[in-house]
Protein backbone atom coordinates (compact mmCIF):
# COMPACT_ATOMS: atom_id res chain seq x y z
CA MET A 1 28.83 -16.39 -0.87
CA PRO A 2 27.05 -13.54 -2.69
CA ASP A 3 27.30 -10.13 -1.11
CA ASN A 4 23.93 -9.17 0.40
CA LYS A 5 24.73 -5.50 -0.07
CA TYR A 6 24.24 -5.69 -3.83
CA ARG A 7 21.06 -7.57 -4.75
CA ILE A 8 18.50 -6.64 -7.35
CA GLU A 9 15.49 -8.83 -8.10
CA VAL A 10 14.01 -8.54 -11.61
CA SER A 11 10.47 -9.79 -12.37
CA PRO A 12 9.27 -9.74 -16.01
CA LEU A 13 5.64 -9.98 -17.12
CA PRO A 14 5.24 -10.34 -20.93
CA GLN A 15 2.05 -9.81 -22.93
CA PHE A 16 1.16 -10.29 -26.62
CA ILE A 17 -0.34 -7.19 -28.30
CA PRO A 18 -2.69 -8.54 -31.02
CA ASP A 19 -4.00 -5.20 -32.32
CA GLN A 20 -0.46 -4.01 -33.17
CA SER A 21 0.67 -7.35 -34.62
CA ASP A 22 0.38 -8.43 -38.24
CA PRO A 23 0.95 -12.21 -38.45
CA ASP A 24 0.41 -12.21 -42.24
CA ASN A 25 3.54 -10.05 -42.52
CA ASP A 26 5.54 -11.81 -39.78
CA ARG A 27 5.14 -8.98 -37.30
CA TYR A 28 4.44 -9.94 -33.69
CA ILE A 29 4.38 -7.20 -31.06
CA PHE A 30 4.89 -7.87 -27.37
CA ALA A 31 4.82 -5.64 -24.32
CA TYR A 32 6.60 -6.52 -21.14
CA THR A 33 6.38 -4.99 -17.70
CA ILE A 34 9.51 -5.24 -15.60
CA THR A 35 9.65 -4.78 -11.84
CA ILE A 36 13.12 -4.09 -10.48
CA ARG A 37 13.42 -4.36 -6.69
CA ASN A 38 16.45 -3.57 -4.57
CA THR A 39 16.62 -6.51 -2.15
CA GLY A 40 20.13 -5.58 -1.04
CA GLU A 41 21.42 -3.32 1.70
CA MET A 42 22.91 -0.57 -0.47
CA PRO A 43 21.18 2.07 -2.65
CA ALA A 44 21.89 1.31 -6.33
CA GLN A 45 21.26 3.05 -9.62
CA LEU A 46 20.36 1.33 -12.88
CA VAL A 47 22.82 2.77 -15.42
CA SER A 48 22.36 0.67 -18.55
CA ARG A 49 20.73 -2.42 -20.00
CA HIS A 50 21.71 -5.36 -22.18
CA TRP A 51 18.97 -7.48 -23.79
CA ILE A 52 19.33 -10.71 -25.74
CA ILE A 53 16.19 -11.32 -27.81
CA THR A 54 15.89 -14.65 -29.64
CA ASP A 55 13.12 -15.57 -32.09
CA ALA A 56 11.88 -19.04 -33.11
CA HIS A 57 14.47 -19.19 -35.94
CA ASN A 58 17.26 -18.64 -33.37
CA GLU A 59 17.88 -15.16 -34.80
CA VAL A 60 19.39 -13.10 -31.99
CA GLN A 61 19.11 -9.35 -31.50
CA GLU A 62 21.24 -7.72 -28.85
CA VAL A 63 20.10 -4.37 -27.50
CA ARG A 64 22.30 -2.19 -25.31
CA GLY A 65 21.53 1.27 -24.04
CA LEU A 66 21.51 3.71 -21.19
CA GLY A 67 18.80 3.37 -18.59
CA VAL A 68 15.28 2.07 -19.17
CA VAL A 69 12.46 4.09 -20.77
CA GLY A 70 14.69 7.17 -20.59
CA LYS A 71 15.33 6.83 -16.86
CA GLN A 72 18.19 5.70 -14.64
CA PRO A 73 16.30 4.96 -11.42
CA LEU A 74 18.08 5.06 -8.07
CA LEU A 75 16.61 2.39 -5.81
CA GLN A 76 16.92 2.55 -2.06
CA PRO A 77 16.93 -0.81 -0.23
CA GLY A 78 13.39 -2.21 -0.38
CA GLU A 79 12.33 0.15 -3.19
CA SER A 80 11.15 -1.01 -6.59
CA PHE A 81 10.79 0.57 -10.02
CA GLN A 82 8.37 -0.67 -12.66
CA TYR A 83 8.25 0.13 -16.35
CA THR A 84 6.65 -1.21 -19.51
CA SER A 85 8.38 -1.47 -22.86
CA GLY A 86 7.95 -3.50 -26.02
CA SER A 87 9.59 -5.75 -28.54
CA SER A 88 8.86 -6.86 -32.07
CA LEU A 89 9.54 -10.36 -33.41
CA THR A 90 9.19 -11.90 -36.86
CA THR A 91 8.01 -15.18 -35.29
CA PRO A 92 5.02 -15.81 -32.98
CA ILE A 93 7.29 -17.03 -30.19
CA GLY A 94 10.66 -16.04 -28.79
CA THR A 95 12.57 -15.32 -25.60
CA MET A 96 14.19 -12.36 -23.89
CA LYS A 97 16.85 -12.25 -21.19
CA GLY A 98 19.69 -9.99 -20.21
CA SER A 99 21.06 -7.81 -17.47
CA TYR A 100 21.00 -4.36 -15.99
CA GLN A 101 24.28 -2.68 -15.17
CA MET A 102 24.03 -1.16 -11.71
CA VAL A 103 26.19 1.18 -9.65
CA ALA A 104 25.84 1.08 -5.87
CA GLU A 105 26.09 4.19 -3.73
CA ASP A 106 29.61 3.14 -2.66
CA GLY A 107 30.75 3.08 -6.31
CA THR A 108 30.61 -0.71 -6.74
CA HIS A 109 29.53 -1.81 -10.24
CA PHE A 110 27.46 -4.99 -10.47
CA GLU A 111 24.98 -6.69 -12.78
CA ALA A 112 21.36 -7.56 -12.10
CA GLU A 113 20.31 -10.58 -14.12
CA ILE A 114 17.06 -10.42 -16.08
CA PRO A 115 15.71 -13.99 -16.04
CA GLU A 116 14.75 -15.43 -19.42
CA PHE A 117 11.07 -15.12 -20.26
CA VAL A 118 8.97 -16.29 -23.20
CA LEU A 119 7.20 -14.03 -25.69
CA ALA A 120 4.38 -15.98 -27.31
CA SER A 121 1.24 -15.14 -29.22
CA PRO A 122 -1.69 -17.19 -27.85
CA ARG A 123 -1.98 -19.33 -31.00
CA ALA A 124 1.75 -20.19 -30.92
CA LEU A 125 1.33 -22.32 -27.81
CA HIS A 126 -1.58 -24.48 -29.00
């Protein structure tokens, strides 16, 4: 049974950015807005991130780093933090997924899963 003390819900919202993309040169730019909500019972801080970005050729980029957008937000139970970042692909479609490494106020380390989401330029889906 999962521990209700340590629960983080992650909601991604991707968007294609046509004016920064250059399909003729295999450059597709996407923005994504992530909402991170502490649905547990214990305050927790986002310490680091791990992204797995896969393009349509199954080329995988892994990105690891401290925090998100230069921040390491501390979320009280019921609080959420939202940020927008971006990614560049060489194909018009791809996916992102990963995890955030969290530390609860009591010192417990746990991971918050980032559910897989699709990056797609509008023409790629038709």
